[in-house]
Amino acid sequence: MRIQNVISVLSFITLILILSFSFYGTSFADEIRIKLPKSKILYVYDGDTFFIRCKFCKGKRIGVRIKGVDTPEIYGKCDKERDGAIKSRVFTNLKINQGKEIYLVVDDKKQFDYFGRILARVEIDGIDLGGEIILNGFGVIYINKRFDRWCDVPENKELIHKKRAK
């Protein structure tokens, strides 16, 4: 069953590549921009992950992981982390629902994360969603390691950024 999911996801990405080259004139550069209809967005799981309906994958849902940002986990270690996860989910959901044009910007060298989600920068009306999440204090910069000290972080968002930088 897992192999079928991987094959479906790979087929989806291949089709995305073909369509993006056909419609947008994109060459094999560093990134692939894909316009995402809002009707294909199923739900926001937490601040850095949402799910879409993939018509090229037999209608299955597939996760999208917002590249470059880490938000608290829904099933976190403490109430503070779980509360932060709900707040970041509400923020991400609000931004997606308010946006007119949504693009996934996928790196052609690393298209999926460890869990098989599409790894993409998300642009809403030309603004980077991951950057907005960080600037508004709902997440931190993600660089190959999950931020696991949500329970220790003070409420002040400026301190979150300073503590993360250390």
N, C-alpha and C. Protein backbone atom coordinates (compact mmCIF):
# COMPACT_ATOMS: atom_id res chain seq x y z
N MET A 1 0.83 -1.19 0.00
CA MET A 1 0.00 0.00 0.00
C MET A 1 0.87 1.26 0.00
N ARG A 2 1.93 1.27 0.78
CA ARG A 2 2.84 2.42 0.86
C ARG A 2 3.49 2.67 -0.50
N ILE A 3 3.86 1.61 -1.20
CA ILE A 3 4.50 1.74 -2.52
C ILE A 3 3.53 2.40 -3.49
N GLN A 4 2.24 2.03 -3.42
CA GLN A 4 1.24 2.65 -4.30
C GLN A 4 1.13 4.14 -4.03
N ASN A 5 1.18 4.54 -2.75
CA ASN A 5 1.13 5.96 -2.40
C ASN A 5 2.33 6.70 -2.96
N VAL A 6 3.52 6.11 -2.83
CA VAL A 6 4.73 6.74 -3.34
C VAL A 6 4.65 6.88 -4.86
N ILE A 7 4.18 5.83 -5.54
CA ILE A 7 4.04 5.88 -7.00
C ILE A 7 3.02 6.95 -7.39
N SER A 8 1.91 7.05 -6.66
CA SER A 8 0.90 8.07 -6.95
C SER A 8 1.48 9.47 -6.78
N VAL A 9 2.22 9.68 -5.72
CA VAL A 9 2.82 10.99 -5.46
C VAL A 9 3.85 11.32 -6.53
N LEU A 10 4.69 10.35 -6.90
CA LEU A 10 5.68 10.59 -7.95
C LEU A 10 5.01 10.90 -9.28
N SER A 11 3.91 10.20 -9.57
CA SER A 11 3.15 10.48 -10.79
C SER A 11 2.60 11.90 -10.76
N PHE A 12 2.11 12.31 -9.62
CA PHE A 12 1.58 13.66 -9.44
C PHE A 12 2.65 14.70 -9.71
N ILE A 13 3.82 14.54 -9.12
CA ILE A 13 4.92 15.49 -9.31
C ILE A 13 5.36 15.51 -10.77
N THR A 14 5.45 14.35 -11.40
CA THR A 14 5.83 14.30 -12.81
C THR A 14 4.83 15.07 -13.66
N LEU A 15 3.56 14.88 -13.38
CA LEU A 15 2.53 15.61 -14.12
C LEU A 15 2.63 17.11 -13.86
N ILE A 16 2.90 17.48 -12.63
CA ILE A 16 3.08 18.90 -12.30
C ILE A 16 4.23 19.48 -13.10
N LEU A 17 5.31 18.75 -13.17
CA LEU A 17 6.46 19.22 -13.94
C LEU A 17 6.10 19.41 -15.41
N ILE A 18 5.43 18.44 -15.97
CA ILE A 18 5.05 18.52 -17.38
C ILE A 18 4.11 19.70 -17.61
N LEU A 19 3.11 19.85 -16.74
CA LEU A 19 2.16 20.95 -16.90
C LEU A 19 2.82 22.30 -16.70
N SER A 20 3.70 22.39 -15.71
CA SER A 20 4.34 23.68 -15.46
C SER A 20 5.25 24.08 -16.61
N PHE A 21 5.91 23.12 -17.24
CA PHE A 21 6.76 23.44 -18.38
C PHE A 21 5.90 23.83 -19.58
N SER A 22 4.75 23.19 -19.73
CA SER A 22 3.88 23.47 -20.87
C SER A 22 3.21 24.84 -20.76
N PHE A 23 2.66 25.15 -19.56
CA PHE A 23 1.86 26.35 -19.42
C PHE A 23 2.66 27.58 -19.01
N TYR A 24 3.71 27.39 -18.24
CA TYR A 24 4.44 28.54 -17.72
C TYR A 24 5.77 28.76 -18.41
N GLY A 25 6.17 27.87 -19.30
CA GLY A 25 7.43 28.02 -20.00
C GLY A 25 8.62 27.86 -19.06
N THR A 26 8.41 27.18 -17.95
CA THR A 26 9.47 27.01 -16.97
C THR A 26 10.47 25.99 -17.47
N SER A 27 11.74 26.28 -17.29
CA SER A 27 12.78 25.32 -17.64
C SER A 27 13.21 24.59 -16.37
N PHE A 28 14.09 23.64 -16.52
CA PHE A 28 14.58 22.92 -15.36
C PHE A 28 15.48 23.84 -14.54
N ALA A 29 14.88 24.74 -13.81
CA ALA A 29 15.60 25.68 -12.96
C ALA A 29 15.56 25.14 -11.53
N ASP A 30 15.77 26.02 -10.59
CA ASP A 30 15.79 25.60 -9.19
C ASP A 30 14.40 25.39 -8.61
N GLU A 31 13.40 26.12 -9.12
CA GLU A 31 12.07 26.05 -8.53
C GLU A 31 10.99 25.88 -9.60
N ILE A 32 9.90 25.28 -9.16
CA ILE A 32 8.73 25.09 -10.01
C ILE A 32 7.55 25.77 -9.32
N ARG A 33 6.90 26.70 -10.00
CA ARG A 33 5.73 27.41 -9.44
C ARG A 33 4.46 26.74 -9.94
N ILE A 34 3.58 26.41 -9.00
CA ILE A 34 2.34 25.74 -9.34
C ILE A 34 1.18 26.53 -8.73
N LYS A 35 0.27 26.98 -9.59
CA LYS A 35 -0.91 27.69 -9.07
C LYS A 35 -1.85 26.66 -8.45
N LEU A 36 -2.27 26.95 -7.22
CA LEU A 36 -3.11 26.01 -6.48
C LEU A 36 -4.51 26.60 -6.32
N PRO A 37 -5.51 26.02 -6.97
CA PRO A 37 -6.89 26.51 -6.77
C PRO A 37 -7.32 26.29 -5.31
N LYS A 38 -7.96 27.29 -4.73
CA LYS A 38 -8.40 27.18 -3.34
C LYS A 38 -9.35 26.00 -3.14
N SER A 39 -10.07 25.63 -4.19
CA SER A 39 -11.01 24.52 -4.09
C SER A 39 -10.30 23.19 -3.83
N LYS A 40 -9.01 23.12 -4.11
CA LYS A 40 -8.25 21.89 -3.91
C LYS A 40 -7.70 21.77 -2.48
N ILE A 41 -7.79 22.85 -1.70
CA ILE A 41 -7.30 22.81 -0.32
C ILE A 41 -8.38 22.21 0.56
N LEU A 42 -8.03 21.10 1.21
CA LEU A 42 -9.00 20.40 2.04
C LEU A 42 -9.07 21.00 3.45
N TYR A 43 -7.92 21.06 4.13
CA TYR A 43 -7.90 21.61 5.49
C TYR A 43 -6.47 21.92 5.90
N VAL A 44 -6.36 22.78 6.91
CA VAL A 44 -5.06 23.11 7.50
C VAL A 44 -4.92 22.24 8.74
N TYR A 45 -3.83 21.47 8.80
CA TYR A 45 -3.62 20.57 9.94
C TYR A 45 -3.01 21.32 11.11
N ASP A 46 -1.88 21.97 10.88
CA ASP A 46 -1.29 22.84 11.88
C ASP A 46 -0.67 24.02 11.13
N GLY A 47 0.07 24.86 11.79
CA GLY A 47 0.55 26.08 11.16
C GLY A 47 1.43 25.88 9.95
N ASP A 48 2.12 24.74 9.85
CA ASP A 48 3.05 24.53 8.73
C ASP A 48 2.67 23.38 7.81
N THR A 49 1.47 22.85 7.96
CA THR A 49 1.03 21.73 7.11
C THR A 49 -0.44 21.88 6.75
N PHE A 50 -0.75 21.69 5.47
CA PHE A 50 -2.14 21.62 5.05
C PHE A 50 -2.27 20.51 4.02
N PHE A 51 -3.50 20.11 3.76
CA PHE A 51 -3.76 19.00 2.84
C PHE A 51 -4.55 19.49 1.64
N ILE A 52 -4.21 18.91 0.48
CA ILE A 52 -4.88 19.25 -0.77
C ILE A 52 -5.43 17.98 -1.41
N ARG A 53 -6.42 18.15 -2.28
CA ARG A 53 -6.96 17.04 -3.07
C ARG A 53 -6.16 16.99 -4.36
N CYS A 54 -5.64 15.82 -4.65
CA CYS A 54 -4.79 15.64 -5.82
C CYS A 54 -5.55 14.86 -6.89
N LYS A 55 -6.05 15.56 -7.91
CA LYS A 55 -6.84 14.88 -8.93
C LYS A 55 -5.99 13.95 -9.79
N PHE A 56 -4.69 14.19 -9.85
CA PHE A 56 -3.80 13.34 -10.63
C PHE A 56 -3.35 12.11 -9.84
N CYS A 57 -3.70 12.07 -8.55
CA CYS A 57 -3.36 10.91 -7.69
C CYS A 57 -4.64 10.17 -7.32
N LYS A 58 -5.52 10.02 -8.29
CA LYS A 58 -6.79 9.31 -8.09
C LYS A 58 -7.64 9.97 -7.00
N GLY A 59 -7.55 11.28 -6.89
CA GLY A 59 -8.37 12.02 -5.93
C GLY A 59 -7.92 11.92 -4.48
N LYS A 60 -6.76 11.36 -4.25
CA LYS A 60 -6.28 11.21 -2.87
C LYS A 60 -5.81 12.55 -2.33
N ARG A 61 -5.78 12.62 -1.01
CA ARG A 61 -5.26 13.84 -0.38
C ARG A 61 -3.75 13.69 -0.20
N ILE A 62 -3.08 14.83 -0.24
CA ILE A 62 -1.64 14.83 -0.04
C ILE A 62 -1.28 16.05 0.80
N GLY A 63 -0.33 15.87 1.70
CA GLY A 63 0.08 16.95 2.57
C GLY A 63 1.05 17.90 1.88
N VAL A 64 0.98 19.16 2.29
CA VAL A 64 1.93 20.18 1.84
C VAL A 64 2.59 20.73 3.10
N ARG A 65 3.90 20.62 3.15
CA ARG A 65 4.69 21.14 4.29
C ARG A 65 5.28 22.46 3.86
N ILE A 66 4.97 23.53 4.60
CA ILE A 66 5.49 24.86 4.26
C ILE A 66 6.97 24.90 4.59
N LYS A 67 7.76 25.15 3.56
CA LYS A 67 9.22 25.11 3.67
C LYS A 67 9.74 26.31 4.46
N GLY A 68 10.72 26.04 5.34
CA GLY A 68 11.44 27.09 6.03
C GLY A 68 10.84 27.58 7.33
N VAL A 69 9.75 26.97 7.77
CA VAL A 69 9.10 27.40 9.01
C VAL A 69 8.74 26.18 9.84
N ASP A 70 8.81 26.34 11.15
CA ASP A 70 8.38 25.29 12.08
C ASP A 70 7.40 25.91 13.05
N THR A 71 6.26 25.27 13.22
CA THR A 71 5.25 25.75 14.15
C THR A 71 5.02 24.70 15.23
N PRO A 72 4.40 25.09 16.35
CA PRO A 72 4.10 24.10 17.40
C PRO A 72 3.24 22.95 16.86
N GLU A 73 3.36 21.81 17.51
CA GLU A 73 2.66 20.61 17.07
C GLU A 73 1.29 20.47 17.75
N ILE A 74 0.31 20.01 16.99
CA ILE A 74 -1.04 19.80 17.52
C ILE A 74 -1.01 18.82 18.70
N TYR A 75 -0.21 17.77 18.59
CA TYR A 75 -0.08 16.80 19.68
C TYR A 75 1.23 17.06 20.41
N GLY A 76 1.42 18.29 20.85
CA GLY A 76 2.66 18.71 21.50
C GLY A 76 2.83 18.16 22.90
N LYS A 77 3.97 18.50 23.50
CA LYS A 77 4.35 17.97 24.81
C LYS A 77 3.62 18.64 25.98
N CYS A 78 3.15 19.86 25.78
CA CYS A 78 2.52 20.59 26.88
C CYS A 78 1.36 21.43 26.35
N ASP A 79 0.56 21.96 27.26
CA ASP A 79 -0.58 22.78 26.86
C ASP A 79 -0.15 24.01 26.06
N LYS A 80 0.98 24.59 26.45
CA LYS A 80 1.47 25.79 25.77
C LYS A 80 1.77 25.49 24.30
N GLU A 81 2.37 24.34 24.02
CA GLU A 81 2.66 23.97 22.64
C GLU A 81 1.38 23.69 21.87
N ARG A 82 0.45 22.96 22.48
CA ARG A 82 -0.81 22.64 21.81
C ARG A 82 -1.63 23.90 21.54
N ASP A 83 -1.64 24.84 22.49
CA ASP A 83 -2.34 26.11 22.28
C ASP A 83 -1.69 26.91 21.15
N GLY A 84 -0.35 26.90 21.12
CA GLY A 84 0.37 27.58 20.04
C GLY A 84 0.07 26.96 18.69
N ALA A 85 -0.10 25.64 18.67
CA ALA A 85 -0.41 24.94 17.42
C ALA A 85 -1.78 25.36 16.90
N ILE A 86 -2.74 25.50 17.78
CA ILE A 86 -4.08 25.91 17.37
C ILE A 86 -4.04 27.34 16.84
N LYS A 87 -3.31 28.22 17.53
CA LYS A 87 -3.20 29.62 17.08
C LYS A 87 -2.52 29.71 15.71
N SER A 88 -1.46 28.93 15.53
CA SER A 88 -0.77 28.98 14.23
C SER A 88 -1.65 28.37 13.13
N ARG A 89 -2.43 27.35 13.46
CA ARG A 89 -3.35 26.77 12.48
C ARG A 89 -4.41 27.79 12.08
N VAL A 90 -4.96 28.50 13.03
CA VAL A 90 -5.97 29.52 12.74
C VAL A 90 -5.37 30.61 11.85
N PHE A 91 -4.13 31.04 12.15
CA PHE A 91 -3.47 32.07 11.35
C PHE A 91 -3.28 31.60 9.90
N THR A 92 -2.74 30.39 9.74
CA THR A 92 -2.50 29.84 8.40
C THR A 92 -3.81 29.68 7.64
N ASN A 93 -4.83 29.18 8.29
CA ASN A 93 -6.13 29.00 7.67
C ASN A 93 -6.71 30.34 7.23
N LEU A 94 -6.58 31.35 8.06
CA LEU A 94 -7.08 32.68 7.74
C LEU A 94 -6.36 33.25 6.51
N LYS A 95 -5.04 33.12 6.47
CA LYS A 95 -4.27 33.64 5.34
C LYS A 95 -4.66 32.92 4.04
N ILE A 96 -4.81 31.61 4.10
CA ILE A 96 -5.20 30.85 2.91
C ILE A 96 -6.60 31.26 2.44
N ASN A 97 -7.53 31.40 3.38
CA ASN A 97 -8.91 31.75 3.00
C ASN A 97 -9.04 33.17 2.49
N GLN A 98 -8.21 34.09 2.99
CA GLN A 98 -8.26 35.47 2.54
C GLN A 98 -7.56 35.69 1.20
N GLY A 99 -6.65 34.79 0.85
CA GLY A 99 -5.86 34.97 -0.36
C GLY A 99 -6.65 34.76 -1.64
N LYS A 100 -6.21 35.46 -2.68
CA LYS A 100 -6.85 35.30 -3.99
C LYS A 100 -6.07 34.31 -4.86
N GLU A 101 -4.73 34.44 -4.86
CA GLU A 101 -3.89 33.53 -5.65
C GLU A 101 -2.89 32.83 -4.74
N ILE A 102 -2.88 31.51 -4.85
CA ILE A 102 -1.98 30.70 -4.03
C ILE A 102 -1.08 29.91 -4.95
N TYR A 103 0.22 29.98 -4.69
CA TYR A 103 1.20 29.23 -5.47
C TYR A 103 2.03 28.36 -4.54
N LEU A 104 2.30 27.15 -4.99
CA LEU A 104 3.30 26.30 -4.36
C LEU A 104 4.58 26.48 -5.15
N VAL A 105 5.66 26.77 -4.47
CA VAL A 105 6.96 26.92 -5.13
C VAL A 105 7.82 25.77 -4.63
N VAL A 106 8.00 24.78 -5.51
CA VAL A 106 8.66 23.52 -5.14
C VAL A 106 10.09 23.54 -5.67
N ASP A 107 11.03 23.18 -4.81
CA ASP A 107 12.43 23.05 -5.20
C ASP A 107 12.56 21.78 -6.03
N ASP A 108 13.12 21.88 -7.23
CA ASP A 108 13.18 20.68 -8.07
C ASP A 108 14.21 19.66 -7.58
N LYS A 109 15.02 20.02 -6.59
CA LYS A 109 15.99 19.06 -6.04
C LYS A 109 15.43 18.30 -4.83
N LYS A 110 14.54 18.93 -4.08
CA LYS A 110 13.93 18.27 -2.91
C LYS A 110 12.44 18.61 -2.90
N GLN A 111 11.64 17.68 -3.42
CA GLN A 111 10.22 17.93 -3.58
C GLN A 111 9.37 17.41 -2.42
N PHE A 112 9.90 16.48 -1.63
CA PHE A 112 9.14 15.87 -0.55
C PHE A 112 9.95 15.87 0.74
N ASP A 113 9.23 15.90 1.87
CA ASP A 113 9.91 15.78 3.15
C ASP A 113 9.94 14.31 3.58
N TYR A 114 10.42 14.07 4.76
CA TYR A 114 10.57 12.72 5.30
C TYR A 114 9.25 11.95 5.32
N PHE A 115 8.14 12.66 5.54
CA PHE A 115 6.83 12.02 5.68
C PHE A 115 6.07 11.93 4.35
N GLY A 116 6.71 12.30 3.24
CA GLY A 116 6.08 12.19 1.93
C GLY A 116 5.19 13.38 1.57
N ARG A 117 5.24 14.44 2.37
CA ARG A 117 4.47 15.64 2.04
C ARG A 117 5.23 16.45 0.99
N ILE A 118 4.50 17.18 0.16
CA ILE A 118 5.14 18.10 -0.77
C ILE A 118 5.80 19.19 0.06
N LEU A 119 7.06 19.44 -0.20
CA LEU A 119 7.82 20.47 0.51
C LEU A 119 7.85 21.70 -0.39
N ALA A 120 7.21 22.79 0.04
CA ALA A 120 7.08 23.94 -0.85
C ALA A 120 7.03 25.25 -0.07
N ARG A 121 7.57 26.28 -0.71
CA ARG A 121 7.29 27.63 -0.24
C ARG A 121 5.89 27.92 -0.72
N VAL A 122 5.11 28.60 0.10
CA VAL A 122 3.74 28.91 -0.28
C VAL A 122 3.62 30.43 -0.40
N GLU A 123 3.19 30.87 -1.57
CA GLU A 123 2.99 32.30 -1.81
C GLU A 123 1.49 32.56 -1.92
N ILE A 124 1.04 33.53 -1.14
CA ILE A 124 -0.36 33.94 -1.20
C ILE A 124 -0.38 35.40 -1.61
N ASP A 125 -0.95 35.66 -2.76
CA ASP A 125 -0.98 37.01 -3.33
C ASP A 125 0.42 37.64 -3.35
N GLY A 126 1.41 36.84 -3.69
CA GLY A 126 2.78 37.31 -3.82
C GLY A 126 3.56 37.42 -2.53
N ILE A 127 2.97 37.05 -1.41
CA ILE A 127 3.64 37.15 -0.10
C ILE A 127 3.94 35.74 0.41
N ASP A 128 5.15 35.55 0.92
CA ASP A 128 5.58 34.25 1.43
C ASP A 128 4.86 33.93 2.75
N LEU A 129 4.08 32.86 2.76
CA LEU A 129 3.30 32.49 3.94
C LEU A 129 4.20 32.12 5.11
N GLY A 130 5.28 31.37 4.86
CA GLY A 130 6.19 30.99 5.94
C GLY A 130 6.77 32.21 6.64
N GLY A 131 7.17 33.21 5.86
CA GLY A 131 7.69 34.44 6.44
C GLY A 131 6.65 35.16 7.28
N GLU A 132 5.40 35.17 6.81
CA GLU A 132 4.32 35.80 7.57
C GLU A 132 4.08 35.07 8.90
N ILE A 133 4.16 33.75 8.88
CA ILE A 133 3.97 32.97 10.10
C ILE A 133 5.05 33.34 11.11
N ILE A 134 6.30 33.42 10.66
CA ILE A 134 7.41 33.75 11.55
C ILE A 134 7.30 35.19 12.05
N LEU A 135 7.06 36.14 11.13
CA LEU A 135 6.97 37.55 11.51
C LEU A 135 5.85 37.83 12.51
N ASN A 136 4.79 37.06 12.45
CA ASN A 136 3.67 37.26 13.37
C ASN A 136 3.78 36.44 14.64
N GLY A 137 4.91 35.74 14.82
CA GLY A 137 5.17 35.03 16.07
C GLY A 137 4.52 33.67 16.21
N PHE A 138 4.04 33.10 15.11
CA PHE A 138 3.38 31.80 15.18
C PHE A 138 4.31 30.63 14.85
N GLY A 139 5.56 30.92 14.53
CA GLY A 139 6.52 29.88 14.20
C GLY A 139 7.93 30.43 14.22
N VAL A 140 8.87 29.54 13.97
CA VAL A 140 10.29 29.91 13.93
C VAL A 140 10.89 29.39 12.63
N ILE A 141 12.07 29.89 12.31
CA ILE A 141 12.77 29.42 11.12
C ILE A 141 13.14 27.96 11.30
N TYR A 142 12.89 27.15 10.28
CA TYR A 142 13.21 25.73 10.32
C TYR A 142 14.41 25.46 9.42
N ILE A 143 15.46 24.92 10.04
CA ILE A 143 16.65 24.54 9.28
C ILE A 143 17.05 23.13 9.70
N ASN A 144 16.44 22.13 9.09
CA ASN A 144 16.79 20.72 9.27
C ASN A 144 16.70 20.18 10.68
N LYS A 145 16.09 20.89 11.60
CA LYS A 145 15.91 20.35 12.94
C LYS A 145 14.66 20.96 13.56
N ARG A 146 13.80 20.09 14.02
CA ARG A 146 12.56 20.54 14.64
C ARG A 146 12.86 21.32 15.91
N PHE A 147 12.16 22.45 16.08
CA PHE A 147 12.29 23.24 17.30
C PHE A 147 11.46 22.55 18.37
N ASP A 148 12.10 22.01 19.38
CA ASP A 148 11.37 21.20 20.37
C ASP A 148 11.29 21.85 21.74
N ARG A 149 11.49 23.15 21.81
CA ARG A 149 11.46 23.81 23.11
C ARG A 149 10.28 24.77 23.24
N TRP A 150 9.18 24.45 22.59
CA TRP A 150 8.00 25.32 22.65
C TRP A 150 7.51 25.51 24.08
N CYS A 151 7.66 24.51 24.91
CA CYS A 151 7.17 24.58 26.28
C CYS A 151 8.03 25.51 27.14
N ASP A 152 9.27 25.80 26.69
CA ASP A 152 10.19 26.64 27.44
C ASP A 152 10.20 28.09 26.99
N VAL A 153 9.58 28.39 25.87
CA VAL A 153 9.67 29.72 25.27
C VAL A 153 8.71 30.69 25.96
N PRO A 154 9.19 31.90 26.29
CA PRO A 154 8.29 32.91 26.86
C PRO A 154 7.27 33.36 25.83
N GLU A 155 6.22 34.02 26.27
CA GLU A 155 5.13 34.44 25.38
C GLU A 155 5.55 35.52 24.39
N ASN A 156 6.51 36.36 24.74
CA ASN A 156 6.90 37.48 23.89
C ASN A 156 7.53 36.95 22.61
N LYS A 157 6.94 37.27 21.45
CA LYS A 157 7.42 36.72 20.18
C LYS A 157 8.82 37.19 19.83
N GLU A 158 9.23 38.39 20.29
CA GLU A 158 10.59 38.85 20.02
C GLU A 158 11.60 37.94 20.71
N LEU A 159 11.27 37.46 21.90
CA LEU A 159 12.17 36.56 22.61
C LEU A 159 12.24 35.21 21.93
N ILE A 160 11.17 34.80 21.27
CA ILE A 160 11.18 33.53 20.54
C ILE A 160 12.26 33.58 19.47
N HIS A 161 12.31 34.67 18.71
CA HIS A 161 13.28 34.79 17.64
C HIS A 161 14.71 34.86 18.18
N LYS A 162 14.91 35.58 19.30
CA LYS A 162 16.25 35.69 19.89
C LYS A 162 16.69 34.34 20.44
N LYS A 163 15.77 33.63 21.11
CA LYS A 163 16.14 32.35 21.69
C LYS A 163 16.44 31.34 20.61
N ARG A 164 15.71 31.37 19.50
CA ARG A 164 15.92 30.44 18.39
C ARG A 164 17.28 30.68 17.73
N ALA A 165 17.71 31.95 17.69
CA ALA A 165 18.97 32.30 17.02
C ALA A 165 20.19 31.79 17.78
N LYS A 166 20.06 31.54 19.07
CA LYS A 166 21.20 31.07 19.87
C LYS A 166 21.62 29.68 19.54
